PDB file of N, CA and C in Angstrom:
ATOM      1  N   UNK A   1       0.878  -0.975   0.172  1.00  0.00           N
ATOM      2  CA  UNK A   1      -0.170  -0.048  -0.255  1.00  0.00           C
ATOM      3  C   UNK A   1       0.881   1.214  -0.147  1.00  0.00           C
ATOM      4  N   UNK A   2       1.738   1.201   0.851  1.00  0.00           N
ATOM      5  CA  UNK A   2       2.934   2.395   0.639  1.00  0.00           C
ATOM      6  C   UNK A   2       3.610   2.643  -0.699  1.00  0.00           C
ATOM      7  N   UNK A   3       3.638   1.637  -1.453  1.00  0.00           N
ATOM      8  CA  UNK A   3       4.254   1.901  -2.775  1.00  0.00           C
ATOM      9  C   UNK A   3       3.279   2.659  -3.843  1.00  0.00           C
ATOM     10  N   UNK A   4       2.001   2.054  -3.540  1.00  0.00           N
ATOM     11  CA  UNK A   4       0.995   2.563  -4.343  1.00  0.00           C
ATOM     12  C   UNK A   4       0.656   4.015  -3.970  1.00  0.00           C
ATOM     13  N   UNK A   5       0.814   4.456  -2.557  1.00  0.00           N
ATOM     14  CA  UNK A   5       0.335   5.665  -2.304  1.00  0.00           C
ATOM     15  C   UNK A   5       1.769   6.766  -2.688  1.00  0.00           C
ATOM     16  N   UNK A   6       2.951   6.287  -2.609  1.00  0.00           N
ATOM     17  CA  UNK A   6       4.237   7.016  -3.288  1.00  0.00           C
ATOM     18  C   UNK A   6       4.346   6.944  -4.618  1.00  0.00           C
ATOM     19  N   UNK A   7       3.558   6.164  -5.468  1.00  0.00           N
ATOM     20  CA  UNK A   7       3.711   6.225  -7.029  1.00  0.00           C
ATOM     21  C   UNK A   7       2.453   7.180  -7.268  1.00  0.00           C
ATOM     22  N   UNK A   8       1.410   7.223  -6.717  1.00  0.00           N
ATOM     23  CA  UNK A   8       0.446   8.213  -6.924  1.00  0.00           C
ATOM     24  C   UNK A   8       1.094   9.479  -6.576  1.00  0.00           C
ATOM     25  N   UNK A   9       1.813   9.789  -5.219  1.00  0.00           N
ATOM     26  CA  UNK A   9       2.080  10.932  -5.205  1.00  0.00           C
ATOM     27  C   UNK A   9       3.265  11.640  -6.266  1.00  0.00           C
ATOM     28  N   UNK A  10       3.971  10.677  -6.709  1.00  0.00           N
ATOM     29  CA  UNK A  10       4.917  10.938  -7.723  1.00  0.00           C
ATOM     30  C   UNK A  10       4.391  11.310  -8.927  1.00  0.00           C
ATOM     31  N   UNK A  11       3.260  10.699  -9.462  1.00  0.00           N
ATOM     32  CA  UNK A  11       2.689  10.953 -10.701  1.00  0.00           C
ATOM     33  C   UNK A  11       1.876  12.448 -10.480  1.00  0.00           C
ATOM     34  N   UNK A  12       1.274  12.809  -9.187  1.00  0.00           N
ATOM     35  CA  UNK A  12       0.511  14.087  -9.081  1.00  0.00           C
ATOM     36  C   UNK A  12       1.614  15.197  -9.195  1.00  0.00           C
ATOM     37  N   UNK A  13       2.972  14.871  -8.395  1.00  0.00           N
ATOM     38  CA  UNK A  13       3.826  15.901  -8.730  1.00  0.00           C
ATOM     39  C   UNK A  13       4.305  16.100  -9.816  1.00  0.00           C
ATOM     40  N   UNK A  14       4.547  15.033 -10.767  1.00  0.00           N
ATOM     41  CA  UNK A  14       5.076  15.129 -12.182  1.00  0.00           C
ATOM     42  C   UNK A  14       4.106  15.888 -12.966  1.00  0.00           C
ATOM     43  N   UNK A  15       2.688  15.890 -12.742  1.00  0.00           N
ATOM     44  CA  UNK A  15       1.518  16.510 -13.458  1.00  0.00           C
ATOM     45  C   UNK A  15       1.696  17.508 -13.248  1.00  0.00           C
ATOM     46  N   UNK A  16       1.846  18.180 -11.774  1.00  0.00           N
ATOM     47  CA  UNK A  16       1.920  19.528 -11.552  1.00  0.00           C
ATOM     48  C   UNK A  16       3.209  20.526 -12.016  1.00  0.00           C
ATOM     49  N   UNK A  17       4.239  19.819 -12.033  1.00  0.00           N
ATOM     50  CA  UNK A  17       5.452  20.557 -12.326  1.00  0.00           C
ATOM     51  C   UNK A  17       5.178  20.735 -14.236  1.00  0.00           C
ATOM     52  N   UNK A  18       4.599  19.663 -14.565  1.00  0.00           N
ATOM     53  CA  UNK A  18       4.692  19.531 -16.282  1.00  0.00           C
ATOM     54  C   UNK A  18       3.600  20.973 -16.606  1.00  0.00           C
ATOM     55  N   UNK A  19       2.562  20.875 -15.755  1.00  0.00           N
ATOM     56  CA  UNK A  19       1.421  22.180 -15.931  1.00  0.00           C
ATOM     57  C   UNK A  19       2.023  23.730 -15.550  1.00  0.00           C
ATOM     58  N   UNK A  20       2.806  23.474 -14.857  1.00  0.00           N
ATOM     59  CA  UNK A  20       3.583  24.839 -14.001  1.00  0.00           C
ATOM     60  C   UNK A  20       4.616  25.169 -15.385  1.00  0.00           C
ATOM     61  N   UNK A  21       5.344  24.418 -15.904  1.00  0.00           N
ATOM     62  CA  UNK A  21       6.249  24.714 -16.825  1.00  0.00           C
ATOM     63  C   UNK A  21       5.758  24.876 -18.405  1.00  0.00           C
ATOM     64  N   UNK A  22       4.409  24.576 -18.478  1.00  0.00           N
ATOM     65  CA  UNK A  22       3.827  24.808 -19.890  1.00  0.00           C
ATOM     66  C   UNK A  22       4.040  26.468 -20.397  1.00  0.00           C
ATOM     67  N   UNK A  23       3.694  27.313 -19.449  1.00  0.00           N
ATOM     68  CA  UNK A  23       3.582  28.667 -20.179  1.00  0.00           C
ATOM     69  C   UNK A  23       5.308  29.233 -20.319  1.00  0.00           C
ATOM     70  N   UNK A  24       6.391  28.544 -19.739  1.00  0.00           N
ATOM     71  CA  UNK A  24       7.623  29.058 -20.167  1.00  0.00           C
ATOM     72  C   UNK A  24       7.883  28.390 -21.574  1.00  0.00           C
ATOM     73  N   UNK A  25       7.230  27.320 -21.794  1.00  0.00           N
ATOM     74  CA  UNK A  25       7.592  26.709 -23.036  1.00  0.00           C
ATOM     75  C   UNK A  25       6.820  26.931 -24.230  1.00  0.00           C
ATOM     76  N   UNK A  26       5.447  27.499 -23.760  1.00  0.00           N
ATOM     77  CA  UNK A  26       4.755  28.264 -24.815  1.00  0.00           C
ATOM     78  C   UNK A  26       5.194  29.599 -25.038  1.00  0.00           C
ATOM     79  N   UNK A  27       5.683  30.403 -24.055  1.00  0.00           N
ATOM     80  CA  UNK A  27       6.062  31.662 -24.505  1.00  0.00           C
ATOM     81  C   UNK A  27       7.612  31.511 -25.152  1.00  0.00           C
ATOM     82  N   UNK A  28       8.047  30.598 -24.987  1.00  0.00           N
ATOM     83  CA  UNK A  28       9.482  30.585 -25.651  1.00  0.00           C
ATOM     84  C   UNK A  28       9.350  30.413 -27.063  1.00  0.00           C
ATOM     85  N   UNK A  29       8.148  29.757 -27.615  1.00  0.00           N
ATOM     86  CA  UNK A  29       7.882  29.400 -29.058  1.00  0.00           C
ATOM     87  C   UNK A  29       7.334  30.864 -29.618  1.00  0.00           C
ATOM     88  N   UNK A  30       7.090  31.827 -29.299  1.00  0.00           N
ATOM     89  CA  UNK A  30       6.457  32.802 -29.746  1.00  0.00           C
ATOM     90  C   UNK A  30       7.132  33.199 -31.256  1.00  0.00           C
ATOM     91  N   UNK A  31       6.378  33.608 -32.121  1.00  0.00           N
ATOM     92  CA  UNK A  31       7.028  33.715 -33.462  1.00  0.00           C
ATOM     93  C   UNK A  31       7.941  35.048 -33.183  1.00  0.00           C
ATOM     94  N   UNK A  32       9.250  35.172 -33.745  1.00  0.00           N
ATOM     95  CA  UNK A  32       9.848  36.177 -33.642  1.00  0.00           C
ATOM     96  C   UNK A  32       9.470  37.331 -34.674  1.00  0.00           C
ATOM     97  N   UNK A  33       9.099  36.879 -35.688  1.00  0.00           N
ATOM     98  CA  UNK A  33       8.454  37.796 -36.740  1.00  0.00           C
ATOM     99  C   UNK A  33       7.518  39.129 -35.871  1.00  0.00           C
ATOM    100  N   UNK A  34       6.643  38.348 -34.945  1.00  0.00           N
ATOM    101  CA  UNK A  34       5.737  39.194 -34.453  1.00  0.00           C
ATOM    102  C   UNK A  34       6.409  40.165 -33.677  1.00  0.00           C
ATOM    103  N   UNK A  35       7.552  40.140 -33.066  1.00  0.00           N
ATOM    104  CA  UNK A  35       8.328  41.029 -32.147  1.00  0.00           C
ATOM    105  C   UNK A  35       8.695  42.124 -33.163  1.00  0.00           C
ATOM    106  N   UNK A  36       8.491  43.356 -32.612  1.00  0.00           N
ATOM    107  CA  UNK A  36       9.006  44.646 -33.785  1.00  0.00           C
ATOM    108  C   UNK A  36      10.479  44.659 -33.612  1.00  0.00           C
ATOM    109  N   UNK A  37      10.642  45.048 -34.874  1.00  0.00           N
ATOM    110  CA  UNK A  37      12.213  45.408 -35.035  1.00  0.00           C
ATOM    111  C   UNK A  37      12.722  46.377 -34.494  1.00  0.00           C
ATOM    112  N   UNK A  38      14.067  46.514 -34.150  1.00  0.00           N
ATOM    113  CA  UNK A  38      14.646  47.531 -33.523  1.00  0.00           C
ATOM    114  C   UNK A  38      14.703  48.909 -34.303  1.00  0.00           C
ATOM    115  N   UNK A  39      14.891  48.714 -35.422  1.00  0.00           N
ATOM    116  CA  UNK A  39      15.108  49.870 -36.408  1.00  0.00           C
ATOM    117  C   UNK A  39      13.744  49.940 -37.347  1.00  0.00           C
ATOM    118  N   UNK A  40      13.131  51.097 -37.749  1.00  0.00           N
ATOM    119  CA  UNK A  40      12.353  51.215 -38.678  1.00  0.00           C
ATOM    120  C   UNK A  40      10.924  51.562 -38.193  1.00  0.00           C
ATOM    121  N   UNK A  41       9.797  51.857 -38.746  1.00  0.00           N
ATOM    122  CA  UNK A  41       8.578  52.284 -38.236  1.00  0.00           C
ATOM    123  C   UNK A  41       8.128  51.252 -37.620  1.00  0.00           C
ATOM    124  N   UNK A  42       7.189  51.656 -36.519  1.00  0.00           N
ATOM    125  CA  UNK A  42       6.145  51.000 -35.591  1.00  0.00           C
ATOM    126  C   UNK A  42       5.216  50.035 -36.473  1.00  0.00           C
ATOM    127  N   UNK A  43       4.550  48.954 -36.237  1.00  0.00           N
ATOM    128  CA  UNK A  43       3.700  48.422 -36.900  1.00  0.00           C
ATOM    129  C   UNK A  43       2.569  49.338 -36.964  1.00  0.00           C
ATOM    130  N   UNK A  44       1.680  49.382 -38.067  1.00  0.00           N
ATOM    131  CA  UNK A  44       0.568  50.219 -37.949  1.00  0.00           C
ATOM    132  C   UNK A  44      -0.496  50.041 -37.134  1.00  0.00           C
ATOM    133  N   UNK A  45      -0.652  48.962 -36.757  1.00  0.00           N
ATOM    134  CA  UNK A  45      -1.956  48.465 -35.972  1.00  0.00           C
ATOM    135  C   UNK A  45      -2.055  49.081 -34.524  1.00  0.00           C
ATOM    136  N   UNK A  46      -0.828  49.413 -33.884  1.00  0.00           N
ATOM    137  CA  UNK A  46      -0.879  49.891 -32.849  1.00  0.00           C
ATOM    138  C   UNK A  46       0.163  51.275 -32.626  1.00  0.00           C
ATOM    139  N   UNK A  47      -0.092  52.081 -33.558  1.00  0.00           N
ATOM    140  CA  UNK A  47       0.719  53.192 -33.725  1.00  0.00           C
ATOM    141  C   UNK A  47       0.385  54.311 -32.781  1.00  0.00           C
ATOM    142  N   UNK A  48      -1.173  54.508 -32.513  1.00  0.00           N
ATOM    143  CA  UNK A  48      -1.662  55.659 -31.651  1.00  0.00           C
ATOM    144  C   UNK A  48      -2.569  55.003 -30.919  1.00  0.00           C
ATOM    145  N   UNK A  49      -2.517  55.323 -29.359  1.00  0.00           N
ATOM    146  CA  UNK A  49      -3.368  54.708 -28.665  1.00  0.00           C
ATOM    147  C   UNK A  49      -3.346  53.245 -27.967  1.00  0.00           C
ATOM    148  N   UNK A  50      -4.286  52.847 -27.472  1.00  0.00           N
ATOM    149  CA  UNK A  50      -4.313  51.630 -26.562  1.00  0.00           C
ATOM    150  C   UNK A  50      -5.156  50.633 -27.758  1.00  0.00           C
ATOM    151  N   UNK A  51      -4.482  49.502 -27.655  1.00  0.00           N
ATOM    152  CA  UNK A  51      -5.123  48.491 -28.599  1.00  0.00           C
ATOM    153  C   UNK A  51      -6.545  48.174 -27.991  1.00  0.00           C
ATOM    154  N   UNK A  52      -7.450  47.922 -28.812  1.00  0.00           N
ATOM    155  CA  UNK A  52      -8.777  47.914 -28.562  1.00  0.00           C
ATOM    156  C   UNK A  52      -9.101  46.330 -29.112  1.00  0.00           C
ATOM    157  N   UNK A  53      -9.022  45.190 -28.125  1.00  0.00           N
ATOM    158  CA  UNK A  53      -9.654  43.748 -28.929  1.00  0.00           C
ATOM    159  C   UNK A  53     -10.750  44.211 -29.828  1.00  0.00           C
ATOM    160  N   UNK A  54     -11.128  43.334 -30.967  1.00  0.00           N
ATOM    161  CA  UNK A  54     -12.575  43.234 -31.527  1.00  0.00           C
ATOM    162  C   UNK A  54     -13.628  42.608 -30.777  1.00  0.00           C
ATOM    163  N   UNK A  55     -14.986  42.815 -30.975  1.00  0.00           N
ATOM    164  CA  UNK A  55     -15.915  42.206 -30.111  1.00  0.00           C
ATOM    165  C   UNK A  55     -15.775  40.543 -30.373  1.00  0.00           C
ATOM    166  N   UNK A  56     -15.236  40.315 -31.519  1.00  0.00           N
ATOM    167  CA  UNK A  56     -15.310  38.736 -31.521  1.00  0.00           C
ATOM    168  C   UNK A  56     -14.091  38.307 -30.389  1.00  0.00           C
ATOM    169  N   UNK A  57     -13.068  38.646 -30.269  1.00  0.00           N
ATOM    170  CA  UNK A  57     -12.073  38.448 -29.513  1.00  0.00           C
ATOM    171  C   UNK A  57     -12.620  38.641 -28.024  1.00  0.00           C
ATOM    172  N   UNK A  58     -13.309  39.460 -27.730  1.00  0.00           N
ATOM    173  CA  UNK A  58     -13.780  39.373 -26.352  1.00  0.00           C
ATOM    174  C   UNK A  58     -14.633  38.486 -25.915  1.00  0.00           C
ATOM    175  N   UNK A  59     -15.816  38.322 -27.151  1.00  0.00           N
ATOM    176  CA  UNK A  59     -16.723  37.260 -26.857  1.00  0.00           C
ATOM    177  C   UNK A  59     -16.037  35.764 -26.652  1.00  0.00           C
ATOM    178  N   UNK A  60     -15.176  35.517 -27.566  1.00  0.00           N
ATOM    179  CA  UNK A  60     -14.107  34.465 -27.731  1.00  0.00           C
ATOM    180  C   UNK A  60     -13.515  33.935 -26.259  1.00  0.00           C
ATOM    181  N   UNK A  61     -13.062  35.233 -25.846  1.00  0.00           N
ATOM    182  CA  UNK A  61     -12.210  34.800 -24.733  1.00  0.00           C
ATOM    183  C   UNK A  61     -13.072  34.407 -22.937  1.00  0.00           C
ATOM    184  N   UNK A  62     -14.394  35.239 -23.583  1.00  0.00           N
ATOM    185  CA  UNK A  62     -15.349  34.880 -21.932  1.00  0.00           C
ATOM    186  C   UNK A  62     -15.945  33.256 -22.636  1.00  0.00           C
ATOM    187  N   UNK A  63     -16.068  33.341 -23.634  1.00  0.00           N
ATOM    188  CA  UNK A  63     -16.763  31.700 -24.063  1.00  0.00           C
ATOM    189  C   UNK A  63     -15.755  30.844 -23.425  1.00  0.00           C
ATOM    190  N   UNK A  64     -14.619  30.879 -23.796  1.00  0.00           N
ATOM    191  CA  UNK A  64     -13.745  29.853 -23.713  1.00  0.00           C
ATOM    192  C   UNK A  64     -13.281  29.695 -22.153  1.00  0.00           C
ATOM    193  N   UNK A  65     -13.555  30.687 -21.548  1.00  0.00           N
ATOM    194  CA  UNK A  65     -12.835  30.598 -20.013  1.00  0.00           C
ATOM    195  C   UNK A  65     -14.329  30.166 -19.146  1.00  0.00           C
ATOM    196  N   UNK A  66     -15.233  30.645 -19.650  1.00  0.00           N
ATOM    197  CA  UNK A  66     -16.505  30.431 -18.217  1.00  0.00           C
ATOM    198  C   UNK A  66     -17.520  29.580 -19.097  1.00  0.00           C
ATOM    199  N   UNK A  67     -17.920  30.087 -20.368  1.00  0.00           N
ATOM    200  CA  UNK A  67     -19.234  29.633 -21.019  1.00  0.00           C
ATOM    201  C   UNK A  67     -19.150  27.902 -21.362  1.00  0.00           C
ATOM    202  N   UNK A  68     -17.922  27.630 -22.206  1.00  0.00           N
ATOM    203  CA  UNK A  68     -17.715  26.234 -22.549  1.00  0.00           C
ATOM    204  C   UNK A  68     -17.604  25.192 -21.579  1.00  0.00           C
ATOM    205  N   UNK A  69     -16.697  25.640 -20.300  1.00  0.00           N
ATOM    206  CA  UNK A  69     -16.614  24.511 -19.388  1.00  0.00           C
ATOM    207  C   UNK A  69     -17.859  24.344 -18.297  1.00  0.00           C
ATOM    208  N   UNK A  70     -18.507  25.585 -18.160  1.00  0.00           N
ATOM    209  CA  UNK A  70     -19.746  25.380 -17.412  1.00  0.00           C
ATOM    210  C   UNK A  70     -20.966  24.676 -18.099  1.00  0.00           C
ATOM    211  N   UNK A  71     -21.122  24.891 -19.577  1.00  0.00           N
ATOM    212  CA  UNK A  71     -22.162  23.985 -20.250  1.00  0.00           C
ATOM    213  C   UNK A  71     -21.756  22.620 -20.621  1.00  0.00           C
ATOM    214  N   UNK A  72     -20.345  22.402 -20.735  1.00  0.00           N
ATOM    215  CA  UNK A  72     -20.105  21.045 -20.902  1.00  0.00           C
ATOM    216  C   UNK A  72     -20.275  20.161 -19.220  1.00  0.00           C
ATOM    217  N   UNK A  73     -19.968  21.011 -18.367  1.00  0.00           N
ATOM    218  CA  UNK A  73     -20.167  20.368 -16.821  1.00  0.00           C
ATOM    219  C   UNK A  73     -21.687  20.138 -16.659  1.00  0.00           C
ATOM    220  N   UNK A  74     -22.710  21.101 -16.954  1.00  0.00           N
ATOM    221  CA  UNK A  74     -24.040  21.181 -16.858  1.00  0.00           C
ATOM    222  C   UNK A  74     -24.611  19.821 -17.660  1.00  0.00           C
ATOM    223  N   UNK A  75     -23.952  19.700 -18.755  1.00  0.00           N
ATOM    224  CA  UNK A  75     -24.372  18.927 -19.857  1.00  0.00           C
ATOM    225  C   UNK A  75     -24.314  17.531 -19.273  1.00  0.00           C
ATOM    226  N   UNK A  76     -22.781  17.218 -18.803  1.00  0.00           N
ATOM    227  CA  UNK A  76     -22.547  15.843 -18.322  1.00  0.00           C
ATOM    228  C   UNK A  76     -23.408  15.402 -17.160  1.00  0.00           C
ATOM    229  N   UNK A  77     -23.504  16.305 -15.973  1.00  0.00           N
ATOM    230  CA  UNK A  77     -24.367  16.069 -14.980  1.00  0.00           C
ATOM    231  C   UNK A  77     -25.768  15.724 -15.370  1.00  0.00           C
ATOM    232  N   UNK A  78     -26.314  16.387 -16.174  1.00  0.00           N
ATOM    233  CA  UNK A  78     -27.799  16.176 -16.525  1.00  0.00           C
ATOM    234  C   UNK A  78     -27.841  14.797 -17.547  1.00  0.00           C
ATOM    235  N   UNK A  79     -26.989  14.341 -18.023  1.00  0.00           N
ATOM    236  CA  UNK A  79     -26.717  13.328 -18.941  1.00  0.00           C
ATOM    237  C   UNK A  79     -26.540  12.028 -17.927  1.00  0.00           C
ATOM    238  N   UNK A  80     -25.804  12.236 -16.887  1.00  0.00           N
ATOM    239  CA  UNK A  80     -25.510  11.231 -15.977  1.00  0.00           C
ATOM    240  C   UNK A  80     -26.710  10.856 -14.983  1.00  0.00           C
ATOM    241  N   UNK A  81     -27.441  11.904 -14.857  1.00  0.00           N
ATOM    242  CA  UNK A  81     -28.797  11.522 -14.165  1.00  0.00           C
ATOM    243  C   UNK A  81     -29.904  11.374 -14.747  1.00  0.00           C
ATOM    244  N   UNK A  82     -29.886  11.555 -15.895  1.00  0.00           N
ATOM    245  CA  UNK A  82     -31.248  11.216 -17.054  1.00  0.00           C
ATOM    246  C   UNK A  82     -31.206   9.892 -17.653  1.00  0.00           C
ATOM    247  N   UNK A  83     -30.051   9.769 -17.959  1.00  0.00           N
ATOM    248  CA  UNK A  83     -29.855   8.589 -18.889  1.00  0.00           C
ATOM    249  C   UNK A  83     -29.959   7.335 -18.176  1.00  0.00           C
ATOM    250  N   UNK A  84     -30.735   6.249 -18.691  1.00  0.00           N
ATOM    251  CA  UNK A  84     -31.093   4.995 -18.354  1.00  0.00           C
ATOM    252  C   UNK A  84     -30.157   3.868 -19.000  1.00  0.00           C
ATOM    253  N   UNK A  85     -29.302   4.273 -19.221  1.00  0.00           N
ATOM    254  CA  UNK A  85     -28.229   3.301 -20.055  1.00  0.00           C
ATOM    255  C   UNK A  85     -26.810   2.972 -18.927  1.00  0.00           C
ATOM    256  N   UNK A  86     -26.339   1.798 -19.333  1.00  0.00           N
ATOM    257  CA  UNK A  86     -25.251   1.495 -18.544  1.00  0.00           C
ATOM    258  C   UNK A  86     -24.284   2.371 -18.167  1.00  0.00           C
ATOM    259  N   UNK A  87     -23.719   2.207 -16.925  1.00  0.00           N
ATOM    260  CA  UNK A  87     -22.563   2.982 -16.538  1.00  0.00           C
ATOM    261  C   UNK A  87     -21.638   3.139 -17.549  1.00  0.00           C
ATOM    262  N   UNK A  88     -21.188   2.167 -18.363  1.00  0.00           N
ATOM    263  CA  UNK A  88     -19.875   1.994 -19.262  1.00  0.00           C
ATOM    264  C   UNK A  88     -20.286   2.677 -20.186  1.00  0.00           C
ATOM    265  N   UNK A  89     -21.537   2.595 -20.842  1.00  0.00           N
ATOM    266  CA  UNK A  89     -22.042   3.445 -21.833  1.00  0.00           C
ATOM    267  C   UNK A  89     -21.903   4.907 -21.791  1.00  0.00           C
ATOM    268  N   UNK A  90     -22.530   5.358 -20.314  1.00  0.00           N
ATOM    269  CA  UNK A  90     -22.550   6.561 -20.013  1.00  0.00           C
ATOM    270  C   UNK A  90     -20.974   7.290 -20.041  1.00  0.00           C
ATOM    271  N   UNK A  91     -19.924   6.486 -19.545  1.00  0.00           N
ATOM    272  CA  UNK A  91     -18.624   6.890 -19.562  1.00  0.00           C
ATOM    273  C   UNK A  91     -18.197   7.158 -21.011  1.00  0.00           C
ATOM    274  N   UNK A  92     -18.501   6.078 -21.779  1.00  0.00           N
ATOM    275  CA  UNK A  92     -17.886   6.190 -23.299  1.00  0.00           C
ATOM    276  C   UNK A  92     -18.682   7.442 -24.123  1.00  0.00           C
ATOM    277  N   UNK A  93     -19.842   7.769 -23.610  1.00  0.00           N
ATOM    278  CA  UNK A  93     -20.355   8.758 -24.269  1.00  0.00           C
ATOM    279  C   UNK A  93     -19.872  10.238 -23.722  1.00  0.00           C
ATOM    280  N   UNK A  94     -19.629  10.290 -22.591  1.00  0.00           N
ATOM    281  CA  UNK A  94     -19.255  11.410 -22.004  1.00  0.00           C
ATOM    282  C   UNK A  94     -17.933  11.627 -22.608  1.00  0.00           C
ATOM    283  N   UNK A  95     -16.652  10.351 -22.355  1.00  0.00           N
ATOM    284  CA  UNK A  95     -15.600  10.971 -23.072  1.00  0.00           C
ATOM    285  C   UNK A  95     -15.641  11.307 -24.597  1.00  0.00           C
ATOM    286  N   UNK A  96     -16.696  10.466 -25.333  1.00  0.00           N
ATOM    287  CA  UNK A  96     -16.673  11.098 -26.826  1.00  0.00           C
ATOM    288  C   UNK A  96     -17.455  12.732 -27.038  1.00  0.00           C
ATOM    289  N   UNK A  97     -18.248  12.864 -25.759  1.00  0.00           N
ATOM    290  CA  UNK A  97     -18.528  14.196 -25.976  1.00  0.00           C
ATOM    291  C   UNK A  97     -17.442  15.235 -25.708  1.00  0.00           C
ATOM    292  N   UNK A  98     -16.578  14.779 -24.624  1.00  0.00           N
ATOM    293  CA  UNK A  98     -15.381  15.919 -24.195  1.00  0.00           C
ATOM    294  C   UNK A  98     -14.567  15.986 -25.279  1.00  0.00           C
ATOM    295  N   UNK A  99     -14.174  15.115 -25.959  1.00  0.00           N
ATOM    296  CA  UNK A  99     -13.159  14.841 -27.323  1.00  0.00           C
ATOM    297  C   UNK A  99     -13.950  15.924 -28.128  1.00  0.00           C
ATOM    298  N   UNK A 100     -14.898  15.804 -28.522  1.00  0.00           N
ATOM    299  CA  UNK A 100     -15.577  16.452 -29.632  1.00  0.00           C
ATOM    300  C   UNK A 100     -15.639  17.890 -29.099  1.00  0.00           C
ATOM    301  N   UNK A 101     -15.718  18.383 -27.950  1.00  0.00           N
ATOM    302  CA  UNK A 101     -15.919  19.821 -27.557  1.00  0.00           C
ATOM    303  C   UNK A 101     -14.309  20.409 -27.704  1.00  0.00           C
ATOM    304  N   UNK A 102     -13.443  19.294 -27.198  1.00  0.00           N
ATOM    305  CA  UNK A 102     -12.155  19.876 -27.439  1.00  0.00           C
ATOM    306  C   UNK A 102     -11.793  20.173 -28.445  1.00  0.00           C
ATOM    307  N   UNK A 103     -11.982  19.170 -29.517  1.00  0.00           N
ATOM    308  CA  UNK A 103     -11.760  19.498 -30.900  1.00  0.00           C
ATOM    309  C   UNK A 103     -12.388  20.683 -31.730  1.00  0.00           C
ATOM    310  N   UNK A 104     -13.682  20.957 -31.288  1.00  0.00           N
ATOM    311  CA  UNK A 104     -14.640  22.157 -31.678  1.00  0.00           C
ATOM    312  C   UNK A 104     -13.627  23.517 -30.945  1.00  0.00           C
ATOM    313  N   UNK A 105     -13.286  23.432 -29.685  1.00  0.00           N
ATOM    314  CA  UNK A 105     -12.697  24.507 -29.104  1.00  0.00           C
ATOM    315  C   UNK A 105     -11.470  25.113 -29.892  1.00  0.00           C
ATOM    316  N   UNK A 106     -10.658  23.632 -30.060  1.00  0.00           N
ATOM    317  CA  UNK A 106      -9.417  24.187 -30.805  1.00  0.00           C
ATOM    318  C   UNK A 106      -9.532  24.827 -32.280  1.00  0.00           C
ATOM    319  N   UNK A 107     -10.569  24.095 -33.039  1.00  0.00           N
ATOM    320  CA  UNK A 107     -10.856  24.549 -34.470  1.00  0.00           C
ATOM    321  C   UNK A 107     -11.327  25.975 -34.394  1.00  0.00           C
ATOM    322  N   UNK A 108     -12.068  26.272 -33.483  1.00  0.00           N
ATOM    323  CA  UNK A 108     -12.720  27.884 -33.320  1.00  0.00           C
ATOM    324  C   UNK A 108     -11.464  28.795 -33.074  1.00  0.00           C
ATOM    325  N   UNK A 109     -10.811  28.266 -31.949  1.00  0.00           N
ATOM    326  CA  UNK A 109      -9.555  29.054 -31.683  1.00  0.00           C
ATOM    327  C   UNK A 109      -8.582  29.289 -32.920  1.00  0.00           C
ATOM    328  N   UNK A 110      -8.541  28.236 -33.782  1.00  0.00           N
ATOM    329  CA  UNK A 110      -7.280  28.091 -34.851  1.00  0.00           C
ATOM    330  C   UNK A 110      -8.157  29.196 -35.525  1.00  0.00           C
ATOM    331  N   UNK A 111      -9.171  29.110 -36.007  1.00  0.00           N
ATOM    332  CA  UNK A 111      -9.897  30.249 -36.831  1.00  0.00           C
ATOM    333  C   UNK A 111      -9.961  31.803 -36.351  1.00  0.00           C
ATOM    334  N   UNK A 112     -10.337  32.051 -35.159  1.00  0.00           N
ATOM    335  CA  UNK A 112     -10.213  33.008 -34.452  1.00  0.00           C
ATOM    336  C   UNK A 112      -8.719  33.671 -34.739  1.00  0.00           C
ATOM    337  N   UNK A 113      -7.521  32.937 -34.439  1.00  0.00           N
ATOM    338  CA  UNK A 113      -6.148  33.359 -34.415  1.00  0.00           C
ATOM    339  C   UNK A 113      -5.637  33.627 -35.830  1.00  0.00           C
ATOM    340  N   UNK A 114      -6.043  32.806 -36.818  1.00  0.00           N
ATOM    341  CA  UNK A 114      -5.943  33.084 -38.359  1.00  0.00           C
ATOM    342  C   UNK A 114      -6.583  34.226 -38.709  1.00  0.00           C
ATOM    343  N   UNK A 115      -7.672  34.597 -38.366  1.00  0.00           N
ATOM    344  CA  UNK A 115      -8.185  36.071 -38.650  1.00  0.00           C
ATOM    345  C   UNK A 115      -7.886  37.035 -37.896  1.00  0.00           C
ATOM    346  N   UNK A 116      -6.844  36.798 -37.314  1.00  0.00           N
ATOM    347  CA  UNK A 116      -6.143  38.154 -36.633  1.00  0.00           C
ATOM    348  C   UNK A 116      -7.192  38.825 -35.789  1.00  0.00           C
ATOM    349  N   UNK A 117      -8.184  37.808 -35.066  1.00  0.00           N
ATOM    350  CA  UNK A 117      -8.989  38.418 -34.327  1.00  0.00           C
ATOM    351  C   UNK A 117      -8.568  38.612 -32.993  1.00  0.00           C
ATOM    352  N   UNK A 118      -7.826  37.756 -32.561  1.00  0.00           N
ATOM    353  CA  UNK A 118      -7.030  37.809 -31.195  1.00  0.00           C
ATOM    354  C   UNK A 118      -6.006  38.683 -30.872  1.00  0.00           C
TER     355      UNK A 118
END
């Protein structure tokens, strides 16, 4: 039993360290062409004033932070309470829905980023 508990502790610790180290790895991979050159005119999009994000960007930031996870959680809870199918089928359907929502999330995020709305 001690070995099992120590393995679980190691797994939780390694997952925590990986999650903490993600931002440094992500920010290290920022496209260098997006950084302003030392010489020459500044980019025209932020020439004067404060940058104001588009309404699509604001809506997407709110949706990806609050709306999508809450809607997914409420849907899973209702499905587990109302469905009369077996537990195995409930788990498989739930995993499928989570994967579909994650794929949809990444596709929408990619579209918004490619349209320079973010």
